[in-house]
Amino acid sequence: MPFVVLGELRAGFAGGARTGKNEANLVRFLDSRRVDLVFADEGTTHHYAQLFHQLRRQGTPIPTNDLWIAALVVQHDLHLFARDAHFDHLPQIPRL
């Protein structure tokens, strides 16, 4: 899971009525052997730049955090589970 997603989840939990429960569920999920947290590195920046210019040429920019998520998905050959329609502008991103 891209680290950006983890940040967005925790931001969504912050100040909510079920912060503790949501955080506990998230920690259990992260502790699963099936879940690896992936972080940006220099290689990620190359994917970010390519995707940024692809979207710019298409006239379909997406939010910065989602661009980082897309770059990490490409770099680590992951599948994306998201409902955000703007990821449709990146056909190279495999979706679940």
N, C-alpha and C. Protein backbone atom coordinates (compact mmCIF):
# COMPACT_ATOMS: atom_id res chain seq x y z
N MET A 1 0.85 -1.17 0.00
CA MET A 1 0.00 0.00 0.00
C MET A 1 0.90 1.24 0.00
N PRO A 2 0.64 2.17 -0.92
CA PRO A 2 1.42 3.42 -0.92
C PRO A 2 1.26 4.18 0.40
N PHE A 3 2.36 4.72 0.88
CA PHE A 3 2.33 5.46 2.15
C PHE A 3 1.35 6.62 2.10
N VAL A 4 1.13 7.18 0.92
CA VAL A 4 0.21 8.31 0.78
C VAL A 4 -1.21 7.87 1.15
N VAL A 5 -1.57 6.66 0.78
CA VAL A 5 -2.89 6.12 1.12
C VAL A 5 -3.04 6.02 2.63
N LEU A 6 -1.99 5.56 3.29
CA LEU A 6 -2.02 5.47 4.75
C LEU A 6 -2.26 6.85 5.37
N GLY A 7 -1.58 7.85 4.86
CA GLY A 7 -1.78 9.22 5.35
C GLY A 7 -3.19 9.71 5.11
N GLU A 8 -3.74 9.41 3.93
CA GLU A 8 -5.10 9.84 3.62
C GLU A 8 -6.12 9.14 4.51
N LEU A 9 -5.90 7.85 4.77
CA LEU A 9 -6.81 7.13 5.67
C LEU A 9 -6.79 7.74 7.06
N ARG A 10 -5.59 7.98 7.58
CA ARG A 10 -5.50 8.54 8.93
C ARG A 10 -6.05 9.97 8.98
N ALA A 11 -5.89 10.72 7.92
CA ALA A 11 -6.47 12.06 7.87
C ALA A 11 -8.00 11.97 7.90
N GLY A 12 -8.53 10.96 7.23
CA GLY A 12 -9.98 10.76 7.25
C GLY A 12 -10.50 10.34 8.62
N PHE A 13 -9.67 9.60 9.36
CA PHE A 13 -10.07 9.17 10.71
C PHE A 13 -10.01 10.32 11.72
N ALA A 14 -9.10 11.24 11.52
CA ALA A 14 -8.82 12.29 12.51
C ALA A 14 -10.08 13.09 12.82
N GLY A 15 -10.36 13.19 14.09
CA GLY A 15 -11.49 13.98 14.52
C GLY A 15 -12.83 13.31 14.34
N GLY A 16 -12.84 12.10 13.80
CA GLY A 16 -14.10 11.40 13.60
C GLY A 16 -14.60 10.74 14.87
N ALA A 17 -15.83 10.31 14.85
CA ALA A 17 -16.45 9.69 16.02
C ALA A 17 -15.90 8.29 16.28
N ARG A 18 -15.31 7.66 15.25
CA ARG A 18 -14.81 6.29 15.40
C ARG A 18 -13.30 6.21 15.16
N THR A 19 -12.58 7.25 15.51
CA THR A 19 -11.14 7.31 15.27
C THR A 19 -10.43 6.09 15.85
N GLY A 20 -10.68 5.78 17.10
CA GLY A 20 -10.01 4.66 17.76
C GLY A 20 -10.29 3.33 17.10
N LYS A 21 -11.56 3.09 16.79
CA LYS A 21 -11.95 1.83 16.14
C LYS A 21 -11.34 1.73 14.75
N ASN A 22 -11.41 2.82 13.99
CA ASN A 22 -10.84 2.81 12.64
C ASN A 22 -9.33 2.58 12.69
N GLU A 23 -8.65 3.23 13.62
CA GLU A 23 -7.20 3.07 13.75
C GLU A 23 -6.86 1.63 14.12
N ALA A 24 -7.61 1.04 15.03
CA ALA A 24 -7.36 -0.35 15.43
C ALA A 24 -7.54 -1.30 14.24
N ASN A 25 -8.58 -1.09 13.45
CA ASN A 25 -8.79 -1.91 12.26
C ASN A 25 -7.66 -1.72 11.25
N LEU A 26 -7.21 -0.49 11.10
CA LEU A 26 -6.12 -0.21 10.18
C LEU A 26 -4.83 -0.89 10.62
N VAL A 27 -4.53 -0.82 11.90
CA VAL A 27 -3.31 -1.46 12.42
C VAL A 27 -3.37 -2.97 12.19
N ARG A 28 -4.53 -3.59 12.41
CA ARG A 28 -4.67 -5.02 12.13
C ARG A 28 -4.43 -5.32 10.66
N PHE A 29 -4.98 -4.48 9.79
CA PHE A 29 -4.79 -4.64 8.35
C PHE A 29 -3.31 -4.52 7.99
N LEU A 30 -2.65 -3.51 8.52
CA LEU A 30 -1.23 -3.29 8.22
C LEU A 30 -0.35 -4.42 8.75
N ASP A 31 -0.76 -5.05 9.83
CA ASP A 31 0.00 -6.16 10.41
C ASP A 31 -0.13 -7.45 9.61
N SER A 32 -1.05 -7.48 8.66
CA SER A 32 -1.24 -8.67 7.84
C SER A 32 0.00 -8.92 6.99
N ARG A 33 0.32 -10.18 6.81
CA ARG A 33 1.48 -10.54 5.97
C ARG A 33 1.26 -10.16 4.51
N ARG A 34 0.01 -9.94 4.14
CA ARG A 34 -0.31 -9.61 2.75
C ARG A 34 -0.12 -8.14 2.42
N VAL A 35 0.14 -7.33 3.43
CA VAL A 35 0.22 -5.88 3.23
C VAL A 35 1.65 -5.39 3.42
N ASP A 36 2.15 -4.72 2.40
CA ASP A 36 3.45 -4.05 2.47
C ASP A 36 3.23 -2.57 2.23
N LEU A 37 3.88 -1.75 3.01
CA LEU A 37 3.82 -0.31 2.83
C LEU A 37 4.96 0.08 1.89
N VAL A 38 4.66 0.83 0.83
CA VAL A 38 5.70 1.26 -0.10
C VAL A 38 5.87 2.77 -0.01
N PHE A 39 7.13 3.19 -0.12
CA PHE A 39 7.50 4.59 0.04
C PHE A 39 8.12 5.12 -1.25
N ALA A 40 8.04 6.43 -1.42
CA ALA A 40 8.64 7.08 -2.58
C ALA A 40 10.15 7.10 -2.43
N ASP A 41 10.82 6.95 -3.56
CA ASP A 41 12.27 7.09 -3.61
C ASP A 41 12.61 7.79 -4.92
N GLU A 42 13.87 7.84 -5.26
CA GLU A 42 14.27 8.54 -6.48
C GLU A 42 13.59 7.94 -7.71
N GLY A 43 13.47 6.63 -7.75
CA GLY A 43 12.81 5.98 -8.89
C GLY A 43 11.37 6.42 -9.04
N THR A 44 10.70 6.63 -7.93
CA THR A 44 9.30 7.07 -7.95
C THR A 44 9.17 8.41 -8.66
N THR A 45 10.17 9.27 -8.48
CA THR A 45 10.09 10.61 -9.07
C THR A 45 10.10 10.56 -10.60
N HIS A 46 10.75 9.56 -11.17
CA HIS A 46 10.74 9.42 -12.63
C HIS A 46 9.34 9.04 -13.11
N HIS A 47 8.69 8.10 -12.42
CA HIS A 47 7.33 7.73 -12.78
C HIS A 47 6.38 8.90 -12.58
N TYR A 48 6.57 9.63 -11.49
CA TYR A 48 5.74 10.81 -11.21
C TYR A 48 5.84 11.80 -12.37
N ALA A 49 7.07 12.09 -12.79
CA ALA A 49 7.28 13.06 -13.86
C ALA A 49 6.63 12.61 -15.17
N GLN A 50 6.77 11.32 -15.50
CA GLN A 50 6.17 10.81 -16.74
C GLN A 50 4.65 10.90 -16.69
N LEU A 51 4.07 10.49 -15.57
CA LEU A 51 2.62 10.54 -15.44
C LEU A 51 2.11 11.98 -15.42
N PHE A 52 2.83 12.86 -14.75
CA PHE A 52 2.46 14.27 -14.69
C PHE A 52 2.37 14.85 -16.10
N HIS A 53 3.39 14.59 -16.93
CA HIS A 53 3.39 15.15 -18.28
C HIS A 53 2.37 14.47 -19.18
N GLN A 54 2.12 13.19 -18.97
CA GLN A 54 1.07 12.51 -19.72
C GLN A 54 -0.28 13.17 -19.44
N LEU A 55 -0.58 13.38 -18.17
CA LEU A 55 -1.84 14.00 -17.79
C LEU A 55 -1.93 15.45 -18.28
N ARG A 56 -0.82 16.14 -18.23
CA ARG A 56 -0.80 17.53 -18.70
C ARG A 56 -1.09 17.60 -20.20
N ARG A 57 -0.44 16.70 -20.96
CA ARG A 57 -0.69 16.66 -22.41
C ARG A 57 -2.15 16.34 -22.71
N GLN A 58 -2.74 15.47 -21.90
CA GLN A 58 -4.14 15.08 -22.08
C GLN A 58 -5.10 16.16 -21.60
N GLY A 59 -4.59 17.12 -20.83
CA GLY A 59 -5.46 18.13 -20.25
C GLY A 59 -6.32 17.58 -19.12
N THR A 60 -5.79 16.55 -18.44
CA THR A 60 -6.55 15.89 -17.38
C THR A 60 -5.72 15.76 -16.10
N PRO A 61 -5.33 16.88 -15.49
CA PRO A 61 -4.53 16.78 -14.26
C PRO A 61 -5.34 16.12 -13.14
N ILE A 62 -4.61 15.52 -12.19
CA ILE A 62 -5.25 14.91 -11.03
C ILE A 62 -4.59 15.47 -9.77
N PRO A 63 -5.23 15.31 -8.61
CA PRO A 63 -4.63 15.82 -7.37
C PRO A 63 -3.23 15.24 -7.14
N THR A 64 -2.38 16.04 -6.52
CA THR A 64 -0.98 15.66 -6.31
C THR A 64 -0.83 14.34 -5.56
N ASN A 65 -1.57 14.16 -4.48
CA ASN A 65 -1.46 12.90 -3.74
C ASN A 65 -1.80 11.71 -4.62
N ASP A 66 -2.81 11.85 -5.46
CA ASP A 66 -3.19 10.74 -6.34
C ASP A 66 -2.13 10.49 -7.40
N LEU A 67 -1.43 11.52 -7.80
CA LEU A 67 -0.32 11.34 -8.74
C LEU A 67 0.81 10.55 -8.09
N TRP A 68 1.11 10.84 -6.83
CA TRP A 68 2.12 10.05 -6.10
C TRP A 68 1.67 8.60 -5.96
N ILE A 69 0.40 8.39 -5.67
CA ILE A 69 -0.13 7.02 -5.57
C ILE A 69 0.05 6.31 -6.91
N ALA A 70 -0.32 6.96 -8.00
CA ALA A 70 -0.18 6.36 -9.33
C ALA A 70 1.28 6.02 -9.63
N ALA A 71 2.19 6.91 -9.29
CA ALA A 71 3.61 6.66 -9.54
C ALA A 71 4.09 5.44 -8.76
N LEU A 72 3.66 5.30 -7.53
CA LEU A 72 4.05 4.14 -6.72
C LEU A 72 3.42 2.86 -7.26
N VAL A 73 2.20 2.94 -7.75
CA VAL A 73 1.54 1.77 -8.34
C VAL A 73 2.33 1.29 -9.56
N VAL A 74 2.72 2.21 -10.42
CA VAL A 74 3.50 1.85 -11.61
C VAL A 74 4.85 1.28 -11.19
N GLN A 75 5.54 1.96 -10.31
CA GLN A 75 6.88 1.56 -9.90
C GLN A 75 6.91 0.16 -9.29
N HIS A 76 5.92 -0.15 -8.48
CA HIS A 76 5.92 -1.42 -7.74
C HIS A 76 5.01 -2.47 -8.36
N ASP A 77 4.50 -2.19 -9.57
CA ASP A 77 3.66 -3.14 -10.31
C ASP A 77 2.48 -3.60 -9.45
N LEU A 78 1.77 -2.63 -8.88
CA LEU A 78 0.63 -2.90 -8.02
C LEU A 78 -0.67 -2.75 -8.79
N HIS A 79 -1.77 -3.16 -8.19
CA HIS A 79 -3.11 -2.90 -8.70
C HIS A 79 -3.75 -1.86 -7.79
N LEU A 80 -4.52 -0.97 -8.39
CA LEU A 80 -5.13 0.13 -7.65
C LEU A 80 -6.59 -0.19 -7.36
N PHE A 81 -6.97 -0.05 -6.11
CA PHE A 81 -8.37 -0.14 -5.71
C PHE A 81 -8.79 1.25 -5.31
N ALA A 82 -9.52 1.93 -6.19
CA ALA A 82 -9.95 3.31 -5.94
C ALA A 82 -11.21 3.58 -6.73
N ARG A 83 -12.04 4.44 -6.19
CA ARG A 83 -13.26 4.84 -6.88
C ARG A 83 -13.10 6.17 -7.61
N ASP A 84 -11.96 6.81 -7.44
CA ASP A 84 -11.74 8.11 -8.06
C ASP A 84 -11.67 7.97 -9.58
N ALA A 85 -12.61 8.61 -10.26
CA ALA A 85 -12.70 8.49 -11.71
C ALA A 85 -11.49 9.09 -12.43
N HIS A 86 -10.77 10.01 -11.79
CA HIS A 86 -9.65 10.62 -12.50
C HIS A 86 -8.53 9.63 -12.77
N PHE A 87 -8.50 8.49 -12.06
CA PHE A 87 -7.51 7.46 -12.39
C PHE A 87 -7.80 6.82 -13.75
N ASP A 88 -9.03 7.00 -14.25
CA ASP A 88 -9.37 6.49 -15.58
C ASP A 88 -8.52 7.14 -16.67
N HIS A 89 -7.94 8.29 -16.39
CA HIS A 89 -7.09 8.99 -17.36
C HIS A 89 -5.71 8.36 -17.46
N LEU A 90 -5.45 7.35 -16.65
CA LEU A 90 -4.16 6.65 -16.65
C LEU A 90 -4.41 5.17 -16.96
N PRO A 91 -4.60 4.83 -18.24
CA PRO A 91 -4.94 3.45 -18.58
C PRO A 91 -3.87 2.43 -18.22
N GLN A 92 -2.65 2.87 -17.99
CA GLN A 92 -1.58 1.94 -17.62
C GLN A 92 -1.65 1.51 -16.15
N ILE A 93 -2.56 2.11 -15.39
CA ILE A 93 -2.73 1.76 -13.98
C ILE A 93 -3.74 0.62 -13.89
N PRO A 94 -3.30 -0.59 -13.50
CA PRO A 94 -4.26 -1.69 -13.36
C PRO A 94 -5.19 -1.45 -12.18
N ARG A 95 -6.49 -1.62 -12.41
CA ARG A 95 -7.49 -1.36 -11.37
C ARG A 95 -8.15 -2.65 -10.93
N LEU A 96 -8.54 -2.67 -9.69
CA LEU A 96 -9.32 -3.80 -9.15
C LEU A 96 -10.78 -3.41 -9.12
